[in-house]
Amino acid sequence: MPLYDYQCQQCKSGFTELRRTSEMDSPISCPECCSMDTRRSISCFSVGGTTSGMPAASGTSKSQFR
């Protein structure tokens, strides 16, 4: 099951929930104020691993993002 990010329209707090894809837009209550006035927001994701033809990550990288 994927994680989805939500924003409460009442108290403006953000929260993340583990839900089935079929439930992603179903009503969900805010854990802070219990309001049902919540909206799913755009979230980020990450994919790990290597791709054929791409070099594998190693400890010798000079990348500023490590």
N, C-alpha and C. Protein backbone atom coordinates (compact mmCIF):
# COMPACT_ATOMS: atom_id res chain seq x y z
N MET A 1 0.84 -1.18 0.00
CA MET A 1 0.00 0.00 0.00
C MET A 1 0.88 1.25 0.00
N PRO A 2 0.52 2.23 -0.78
CA PRO A 2 1.31 3.46 -0.85
C PRO A 2 0.97 4.44 0.28
N LEU A 3 1.90 5.35 0.51
CA LEU A 3 1.70 6.44 1.45
C LEU A 3 1.13 7.64 0.70
N TYR A 4 0.17 8.32 1.29
CA TYR A 4 -0.42 9.51 0.70
C TYR A 4 -0.31 10.66 1.69
N ASP A 5 -0.07 11.86 1.18
CA ASP A 5 0.00 13.08 1.99
C ASP A 5 -1.34 13.79 1.91
N TYR A 6 -1.77 14.31 3.07
CA TYR A 6 -3.04 15.03 3.16
C TYR A 6 -2.82 16.35 3.86
N GLN A 7 -3.72 17.30 3.59
CA GLN A 7 -3.69 18.63 4.21
C GLN A 7 -5.07 18.88 4.80
N CYS A 8 -5.13 19.25 6.08
CA CYS A 8 -6.39 19.58 6.72
C CYS A 8 -6.76 21.02 6.34
N GLN A 9 -7.99 21.21 5.89
CA GLN A 9 -8.45 22.54 5.51
C GLN A 9 -8.88 23.35 6.74
N GLN A 10 -9.12 22.67 7.85
CA GLN A 10 -9.57 23.33 9.08
C GLN A 10 -8.38 23.90 9.87
N CYS A 11 -7.41 23.04 10.24
CA CYS A 11 -6.29 23.48 11.08
C CYS A 11 -4.98 23.66 10.29
N LYS A 12 -5.01 23.33 8.99
CA LYS A 12 -3.86 23.49 8.08
C LYS A 12 -2.69 22.55 8.37
N SER A 13 -2.88 21.54 9.21
CA SER A 13 -1.79 20.60 9.46
C SER A 13 -1.71 19.59 8.32
N GLY A 14 -0.52 19.06 8.10
CA GLY A 14 -0.29 18.05 7.08
C GLY A 14 -0.03 16.72 7.75
N PHE A 15 -0.43 15.63 7.11
CA PHE A 15 -0.19 14.30 7.65
C PHE A 15 -0.09 13.29 6.52
N THR A 16 0.50 12.15 6.82
CA THR A 16 0.72 11.08 5.86
C THR A 16 0.00 9.83 6.33
N GLU A 17 -0.64 9.13 5.42
CA GLU A 17 -1.36 7.91 5.75
C GLU A 17 -1.03 6.80 4.76
N LEU A 18 -0.97 5.59 5.26
CA LEU A 18 -0.78 4.39 4.45
C LEU A 18 -2.18 3.89 4.09
N ARG A 19 -2.55 3.96 2.79
CA ARG A 19 -3.90 3.60 2.36
C ARG A 19 -3.86 2.84 1.05
N ARG A 20 -4.91 2.08 0.81
CA ARG A 20 -5.07 1.42 -0.49
C ARG A 20 -5.28 2.47 -1.58
N THR A 21 -4.85 2.18 -2.77
CA THR A 21 -5.02 3.10 -3.90
C THR A 21 -6.50 3.42 -4.11
N SER A 22 -7.36 2.44 -3.94
CA SER A 22 -8.79 2.65 -4.13
C SER A 22 -9.39 3.58 -3.08
N GLU A 23 -8.69 3.81 -1.96
CA GLU A 23 -9.17 4.67 -0.88
C GLU A 23 -8.49 6.03 -0.84
N MET A 24 -7.59 6.31 -1.78
CA MET A 24 -6.76 7.50 -1.68
C MET A 24 -7.54 8.81 -1.60
N ASP A 25 -8.72 8.89 -2.22
CA ASP A 25 -9.52 10.11 -2.19
C ASP A 25 -10.75 9.98 -1.31
N SER A 26 -10.87 8.87 -0.58
CA SER A 26 -11.98 8.71 0.36
C SER A 26 -11.77 9.63 1.55
N PRO A 27 -12.86 10.07 2.20
CA PRO A 27 -12.72 10.95 3.36
C PRO A 27 -11.84 10.33 4.45
N ILE A 28 -11.03 11.18 5.07
CA ILE A 28 -10.16 10.75 6.15
C ILE A 28 -10.09 11.88 7.17
N SER A 29 -10.08 11.54 8.44
CA SER A 29 -10.08 12.58 9.47
C SER A 29 -8.67 13.04 9.79
N CYS A 30 -8.55 14.30 10.14
CA CYS A 30 -7.27 14.89 10.54
C CYS A 30 -6.89 14.37 11.93
N PRO A 31 -5.66 13.88 12.11
CA PRO A 31 -5.26 13.39 13.43
C PRO A 31 -5.09 14.51 14.47
N GLU A 32 -5.00 15.76 14.04
CA GLU A 32 -4.83 16.89 14.97
C GLU A 32 -6.17 17.40 15.50
N CYS A 33 -7.11 17.68 14.60
CA CYS A 33 -8.37 18.31 15.02
C CYS A 33 -9.61 17.45 14.75
N CYS A 34 -9.42 16.28 14.14
CA CYS A 34 -10.50 15.32 13.82
C CYS A 34 -11.47 15.82 12.74
N SER A 35 -11.14 16.88 12.05
CA SER A 35 -11.97 17.39 10.96
C SER A 35 -11.93 16.41 9.79
N MET A 36 -13.05 16.30 9.10
CA MET A 36 -13.11 15.47 7.89
C MET A 36 -12.87 16.32 6.64
N ASP A 37 -12.60 17.61 6.82
CA ASP A 37 -12.35 18.51 5.70
C ASP A 37 -10.87 18.46 5.33
N THR A 38 -10.47 17.35 4.71
CA THR A 38 -9.07 17.12 4.33
C THR A 38 -8.98 16.91 2.83
N ARG A 39 -7.82 17.20 2.29
CA ARG A 39 -7.57 17.03 0.86
C ARG A 39 -6.23 16.32 0.66
N ARG A 40 -6.20 15.43 -0.32
CA ARG A 40 -4.93 14.77 -0.66
C ARG A 40 -4.06 15.80 -1.35
N SER A 41 -2.77 15.84 -0.98
CA SER A 41 -1.85 16.79 -1.58
C SER A 41 -0.79 16.05 -2.40
N ILE A 42 -0.09 16.79 -3.21
CA ILE A 42 0.97 16.21 -4.04
C ILE A 42 2.11 15.76 -3.13
N SER A 43 2.61 14.58 -3.38
CA SER A 43 3.71 14.06 -2.58
C SER A 43 4.83 13.59 -3.49
N CYS A 44 6.00 13.41 -2.91
CA CYS A 44 7.19 12.96 -3.65
C CYS A 44 7.39 11.47 -3.45
N PHE A 45 8.15 10.88 -4.32
CA PHE A 45 8.51 9.49 -4.15
C PHE A 45 9.94 9.29 -4.62
N SER A 46 10.50 8.17 -4.23
CA SER A 46 11.88 7.86 -4.59
C SER A 46 11.95 6.42 -5.06
N VAL A 47 12.80 6.18 -6.02
CA VAL A 47 13.01 4.83 -6.53
C VAL A 47 14.48 4.51 -6.36
N GLY A 48 14.78 3.36 -5.80
CA GLY A 48 16.17 2.96 -5.59
C GLY A 48 16.55 1.83 -6.52
N GLY A 49 17.83 1.53 -6.55
CA GLY A 49 18.31 0.44 -7.38
C GLY A 49 19.19 0.95 -8.50
N THR A 50 19.60 0.03 -9.35
CA THR A 50 20.42 0.40 -10.51
C THR A 50 19.70 0.01 -11.78
N THR A 51 20.05 0.66 -12.85
CA THR A 51 19.48 0.38 -14.16
C THR A 51 20.58 -0.19 -15.04
N SER A 52 20.21 -1.11 -15.89
CA SER A 52 21.18 -1.71 -16.79
C SER A 52 21.88 -0.62 -17.59
N GLY A 53 23.20 -0.65 -17.60
CA GLY A 53 23.97 0.34 -18.34
C GLY A 53 24.35 1.55 -17.50
N MET A 54 23.79 1.66 -16.32
CA MET A 54 24.11 2.78 -15.43
C MET A 54 25.11 2.29 -14.38
N PRO A 55 26.07 3.13 -14.01
CA PRO A 55 27.02 2.70 -13.00
C PRO A 55 26.35 2.57 -11.64
N ALA A 56 26.78 1.59 -10.87
CA ALA A 56 26.25 1.39 -9.53
C ALA A 56 26.83 2.44 -8.59
N ALA A 57 26.09 2.81 -7.57
CA ALA A 57 26.57 3.78 -6.58
C ALA A 57 27.73 3.16 -5.81
N SER A 58 28.73 3.97 -5.54
CA SER A 58 29.87 3.49 -4.76
C SER A 58 30.31 4.59 -3.81
N GLY A 59 31.16 4.26 -2.90
CA GLY A 59 31.64 5.22 -1.91
C GLY A 59 32.60 6.25 -2.48
N THR A 60 32.98 6.15 -3.75
CA THR A 60 33.96 7.07 -4.33
C THR A 60 33.32 8.26 -5.04
N SER A 61 32.02 8.37 -4.97
CA SER A 61 31.32 9.45 -5.67
C SER A 61 31.67 10.81 -5.08
N LYS A 62 31.83 11.80 -5.93
CA LYS A 62 32.12 13.17 -5.50
C LYS A 62 30.85 14.03 -5.55
N SER A 63 29.69 13.39 -5.67
CA SER A 63 28.44 14.14 -5.77
C SER A 63 28.16 14.96 -4.53
N GLN A 64 27.61 16.15 -4.72
CA GLN A 64 27.25 17.02 -3.60
C GLN A 64 25.98 16.53 -2.92
N PHE A 65 25.28 15.55 -3.50
CA PHE A 65 24.00 15.08 -2.97
C PHE A 65 24.14 13.84 -2.10
N ARG A 66 25.32 13.42 -1.75
CA ARG A 66 25.49 12.24 -0.91
C ARG A 66 25.54 12.60 0.52
